[in-house]
Amino acid sequence: MRIIPVGNALSLFLAFTFTICIVWGLLTPASMHMHGAWEPLLPGFHFISLPSFLIGLIETYLYGWYAAIVFVPLYNLFNKTKAA
C-alpha cells in the first residue's frame, strides 16, 4: 500500500465530509447541526464564519494525512508475506 494515494484519499474524504456537514448545518435547524462534534476535534473551528470553515477544512485534510502516515506503515508491516 502506498502512502500518497491513501493520504490524499483519506484527506479528501474527510474534507468532503466536513463540507457536507457544514452545508447540512446551514440548511437545517440548530438541533440537527454537527458543529458540536467538530468543535472539540478541530482547534480554532467555531460554527460558522469563512475563516473558521477554512481552518476546519485544513485541519480535516491534515487529519487524513495523519491517519495515512500511521495506518499505511502498520498495514504494510502486518501484510508482509513470506517469500516462497
N, C-alpha and C. Protein backbone atom coordinates (compact mmCIF):
# COMPACT_ATOMS: atom_id res chain seq x y z
N MET A 1 0.86 -1.16 0.00
CA MET A 1 0.00 0.00 0.00
C MET A 1 0.91 1.23 0.00
N ARG A 2 0.58 2.18 -0.83
CA ARG A 2 1.40 3.39 -0.93
C ARG A 2 0.77 4.53 -0.15
N ILE A 3 1.62 5.30 0.51
CA ILE A 3 1.13 6.32 1.44
C ILE A 3 0.50 7.53 0.74
N ILE A 4 1.01 7.94 -0.42
CA ILE A 4 0.50 9.15 -1.06
C ILE A 4 -0.95 8.98 -1.54
N PRO A 5 -1.29 7.90 -2.26
CA PRO A 5 -2.70 7.75 -2.64
C PRO A 5 -3.64 7.61 -1.44
N VAL A 6 -3.19 6.89 -0.43
CA VAL A 6 -4.02 6.71 0.76
C VAL A 6 -4.18 8.04 1.50
N GLY A 7 -3.10 8.79 1.63
CA GLY A 7 -3.16 10.09 2.29
C GLY A 7 -4.09 11.05 1.59
N ASN A 8 -3.98 11.11 0.27
CA ASN A 8 -4.87 12.00 -0.48
C ASN A 8 -6.32 11.54 -0.40
N ALA A 9 -6.56 10.24 -0.51
CA ALA A 9 -7.92 9.73 -0.45
C ALA A 9 -8.56 9.99 0.91
N LEU A 10 -7.86 9.69 1.99
CA LEU A 10 -8.41 9.93 3.33
C LEU A 10 -8.62 11.42 3.59
N SER A 11 -7.68 12.23 3.17
CA SER A 11 -7.78 13.67 3.39
C SER A 11 -8.95 14.27 2.65
N LEU A 12 -9.12 13.89 1.39
CA LEU A 12 -10.26 14.41 0.62
C LEU A 12 -11.58 13.88 1.16
N PHE A 13 -11.60 12.62 1.59
CA PHE A 13 -12.81 12.07 2.19
C PHE A 13 -13.23 12.89 3.41
N LEU A 14 -12.28 13.18 4.30
CA LEU A 14 -12.61 13.95 5.50
C LEU A 14 -12.98 15.40 5.16
N ALA A 15 -12.30 15.99 4.20
CA ALA A 15 -12.62 17.37 3.80
C ALA A 15 -14.02 17.44 3.19
N PHE A 16 -14.38 16.48 2.34
CA PHE A 16 -15.73 16.44 1.76
C PHE A 16 -16.77 16.21 2.84
N THR A 17 -16.49 15.31 3.76
CA THR A 17 -17.43 15.03 4.84
C THR A 17 -17.64 16.27 5.71
N PHE A 18 -16.57 16.96 6.03
CA PHE A 18 -16.66 18.20 6.81
C PHE A 18 -17.51 19.23 6.07
N THR A 19 -17.26 19.40 4.78
CA THR A 19 -18.01 20.37 3.98
C THR A 19 -19.48 20.02 3.93
N ILE A 20 -19.80 18.75 3.74
CA ILE A 20 -21.20 18.31 3.71
C ILE A 20 -21.87 18.59 5.05
N CYS A 21 -21.16 18.34 6.14
CA CYS A 21 -21.72 18.60 7.47
C CYS A 21 -21.98 20.09 7.69
N ILE A 22 -21.09 20.93 7.21
CA ILE A 22 -21.28 22.38 7.36
C ILE A 22 -22.48 22.84 6.53
N VAL A 23 -22.57 22.37 5.31
CA VAL A 23 -23.73 22.72 4.46
C VAL A 23 -25.01 22.22 5.12
N TRP A 24 -24.99 21.00 5.64
CA TRP A 24 -26.15 20.46 6.36
C TRP A 24 -26.52 21.37 7.53
N GLY A 25 -25.52 21.81 8.27
CA GLY A 25 -25.78 22.69 9.41
C GLY A 25 -26.37 24.02 9.03
N LEU A 26 -26.02 24.51 7.84
CA LEU A 26 -26.57 25.78 7.37
C LEU A 26 -28.00 25.64 6.87
N LEU A 27 -28.39 24.43 6.47
CA LEU A 27 -29.71 24.21 5.88
C LEU A 27 -30.74 23.64 6.84
N THR A 28 -30.32 23.18 8.01
CA THR A 28 -31.24 22.52 8.93
C THR A 28 -31.35 23.28 10.24
N PRO A 29 -32.35 22.94 11.05
CA PRO A 29 -32.49 23.59 12.36
C PRO A 29 -31.30 23.30 13.26
N ALA A 30 -31.10 24.12 14.24
CA ALA A 30 -29.93 24.02 15.13
C ALA A 30 -29.83 22.67 15.84
N SER A 31 -30.95 22.01 16.08
CA SER A 31 -30.90 20.73 16.79
C SER A 31 -30.29 19.62 15.95
N MET A 32 -30.11 19.86 14.64
CA MET A 32 -29.57 18.83 13.76
C MET A 32 -28.14 19.14 13.31
N HIS A 33 -27.50 20.12 13.91
CA HIS A 33 -26.15 20.50 13.50
C HIS A 33 -25.10 19.52 13.99
N MET A 34 -24.00 19.45 13.25
CA MET A 34 -22.86 18.61 13.64
C MET A 34 -21.73 19.42 14.26
N HIS A 35 -21.90 20.75 14.35
CA HIS A 35 -20.78 21.56 14.84
C HIS A 35 -20.38 21.19 16.26
N GLY A 36 -21.30 20.65 17.03
CA GLY A 36 -20.96 20.20 18.38
C GLY A 36 -19.94 19.07 18.37
N ALA A 37 -19.95 18.28 17.31
CA ALA A 37 -18.96 17.20 17.19
C ALA A 37 -17.64 17.72 16.63
N TRP A 38 -17.71 18.68 15.73
CA TRP A 38 -16.49 19.18 15.08
C TRP A 38 -15.67 20.11 15.99
N GLU A 39 -16.33 20.93 16.76
CA GLU A 39 -15.61 21.95 17.54
C GLU A 39 -14.56 21.37 18.49
N PRO A 40 -14.84 20.29 19.23
CA PRO A 40 -13.78 19.75 20.10
C PRO A 40 -12.63 19.09 19.34
N LEU A 41 -12.91 18.62 18.12
CA LEU A 41 -11.89 17.92 17.34
C LEU A 41 -11.01 18.86 16.52
N LEU A 42 -11.50 20.04 16.23
CA LEU A 42 -10.79 20.96 15.34
C LEU A 42 -10.47 22.26 16.06
N PRO A 43 -9.27 22.41 16.58
CA PRO A 43 -8.89 23.64 17.29
C PRO A 43 -9.05 24.86 16.38
N GLY A 44 -9.70 25.87 16.89
CA GLY A 44 -9.90 27.10 16.13
C GLY A 44 -11.18 27.14 15.32
N PHE A 45 -11.88 26.00 15.22
CA PHE A 45 -13.14 25.97 14.46
C PHE A 45 -14.29 26.32 15.37
N HIS A 46 -15.11 27.28 14.92
CA HIS A 46 -16.35 27.65 15.59
C HIS A 46 -17.38 27.88 14.51
N PHE A 47 -18.56 27.37 14.68
CA PHE A 47 -19.62 27.46 13.68
C PHE A 47 -20.14 28.88 13.60
N ILE A 48 -20.19 29.52 12.53
CA ILE A 48 -19.55 29.38 11.26
C ILE A 48 -19.17 30.77 10.76
N SER A 49 -18.00 30.86 10.25
CA SER A 49 -17.51 32.02 9.51
C SER A 49 -16.58 31.46 8.44
N LEU A 50 -16.25 32.24 7.44
CA LEU A 50 -15.38 31.75 6.38
C LEU A 50 -14.00 31.37 6.91
N PRO A 51 -13.36 32.21 7.74
CA PRO A 51 -12.05 31.79 8.27
C PRO A 51 -12.14 30.51 9.11
N SER A 52 -13.20 30.37 9.89
CA SER A 52 -13.38 29.18 10.69
C SER A 52 -13.59 27.95 9.81
N PHE A 53 -14.37 28.09 8.75
CA PHE A 53 -14.59 26.98 7.82
C PHE A 53 -13.27 26.57 7.18
N LEU A 54 -12.46 27.54 6.77
CA LEU A 54 -11.17 27.22 6.14
C LEU A 54 -10.22 26.53 7.12
N ILE A 55 -10.24 26.97 8.37
CA ILE A 55 -9.43 26.30 9.40
C ILE A 55 -9.88 24.84 9.55
N GLY A 56 -11.18 24.64 9.64
CA GLY A 56 -11.70 23.28 9.76
C GLY A 56 -11.37 22.42 8.55
N LEU A 57 -11.44 22.99 7.37
CA LEU A 57 -11.13 22.26 6.14
C LEU A 57 -9.67 21.84 6.12
N ILE A 58 -8.79 22.75 6.48
CA ILE A 58 -7.35 22.44 6.52
C ILE A 58 -7.08 21.37 7.57
N GLU A 59 -7.68 21.50 8.74
CA GLU A 59 -7.44 20.54 9.81
C GLU A 59 -7.97 19.15 9.46
N THR A 60 -9.14 19.07 8.82
CA THR A 60 -9.64 17.75 8.43
C THR A 60 -8.73 17.12 7.39
N TYR A 61 -8.20 17.94 6.47
CA TYR A 61 -7.27 17.42 5.47
C TYR A 61 -6.01 16.88 6.15
N LEU A 62 -5.50 17.61 7.12
CA LEU A 62 -4.31 17.16 7.85
C LEU A 62 -4.58 15.90 8.67
N TYR A 63 -5.77 15.78 9.24
CA TYR A 63 -6.13 14.55 9.97
C TYR A 63 -6.10 13.35 9.04
N GLY A 64 -6.52 13.53 7.79
CA GLY A 64 -6.46 12.44 6.83
C GLY A 64 -5.03 11.99 6.58
N TRP A 65 -4.12 12.95 6.46
CA TRP A 65 -2.71 12.60 6.28
C TRP A 65 -2.14 11.94 7.52
N TYR A 66 -2.53 12.42 8.69
CA TYR A 66 -2.07 11.78 9.92
C TYR A 66 -2.49 10.31 9.95
N ALA A 67 -3.76 10.04 9.61
CA ALA A 67 -4.24 8.67 9.60
C ALA A 67 -3.45 7.82 8.60
N ALA A 68 -3.17 8.37 7.44
CA ALA A 68 -2.41 7.62 6.42
C ALA A 68 -0.98 7.36 6.88
N ILE A 69 -0.35 8.36 7.49
CA ILE A 69 1.04 8.21 7.94
C ILE A 69 1.14 7.13 9.02
N VAL A 70 0.12 6.99 9.84
CA VAL A 70 0.13 5.96 10.87
C VAL A 70 -0.33 4.61 10.31
N PHE A 71 -1.40 4.62 9.51
CA PHE A 71 -2.02 3.38 9.06
C PHE A 71 -1.20 2.62 8.02
N VAL A 72 -0.71 3.31 6.99
CA VAL A 72 -0.05 2.62 5.87
C VAL A 72 1.19 1.84 6.32
N PRO A 73 2.10 2.41 7.08
CA PRO A 73 3.24 1.61 7.53
C PRO A 73 2.82 0.41 8.39
N LEU A 74 1.82 0.61 9.24
CA LEU A 74 1.34 -0.52 10.05
C LEU A 74 0.73 -1.60 9.17
N TYR A 75 -0.06 -1.19 8.20
CA TYR A 75 -0.66 -2.16 7.28
C TYR A 75 0.43 -2.92 6.53
N ASN A 76 1.39 -2.19 6.00
CA ASN A 76 2.47 -2.83 5.26
C ASN A 76 3.30 -3.76 6.15
N LEU A 77 3.50 -3.39 7.39
CA LEU A 77 4.24 -4.23 8.34
C LEU A 77 3.52 -5.56 8.56
N PHE A 78 2.23 -5.49 8.80
CA PHE A 78 1.48 -6.70 9.11
C PHE A 78 1.02 -7.47 7.88
N ASN A 79 1.21 -6.89 6.70
CA ASN A 79 0.78 -7.54 5.47
C ASN A 79 1.95 -8.18 4.72
N LYS A 80 3.10 -8.23 5.34
CA LYS A 80 4.26 -8.86 4.70
C LYS A 80 3.99 -10.35 4.51
N THR A 81 4.32 -10.83 3.33
CA THR A 81 4.16 -12.26 3.07
C THR A 81 5.55 -12.89 2.98
N LYS A 82 5.65 -14.13 3.36
CA LYS A 82 6.93 -14.83 3.31
C LYS A 82 7.25 -15.18 1.86
N ALA A 83 8.49 -14.98 1.49
CA ALA A 83 8.93 -15.36 0.13
C ALA A 83 8.96 -16.88 0.02
N ALA A 84 8.42 -17.37 -1.06
CA ALA A 84 8.34 -18.84 -1.25
C ALA A 84 9.63 -19.39 -1.80
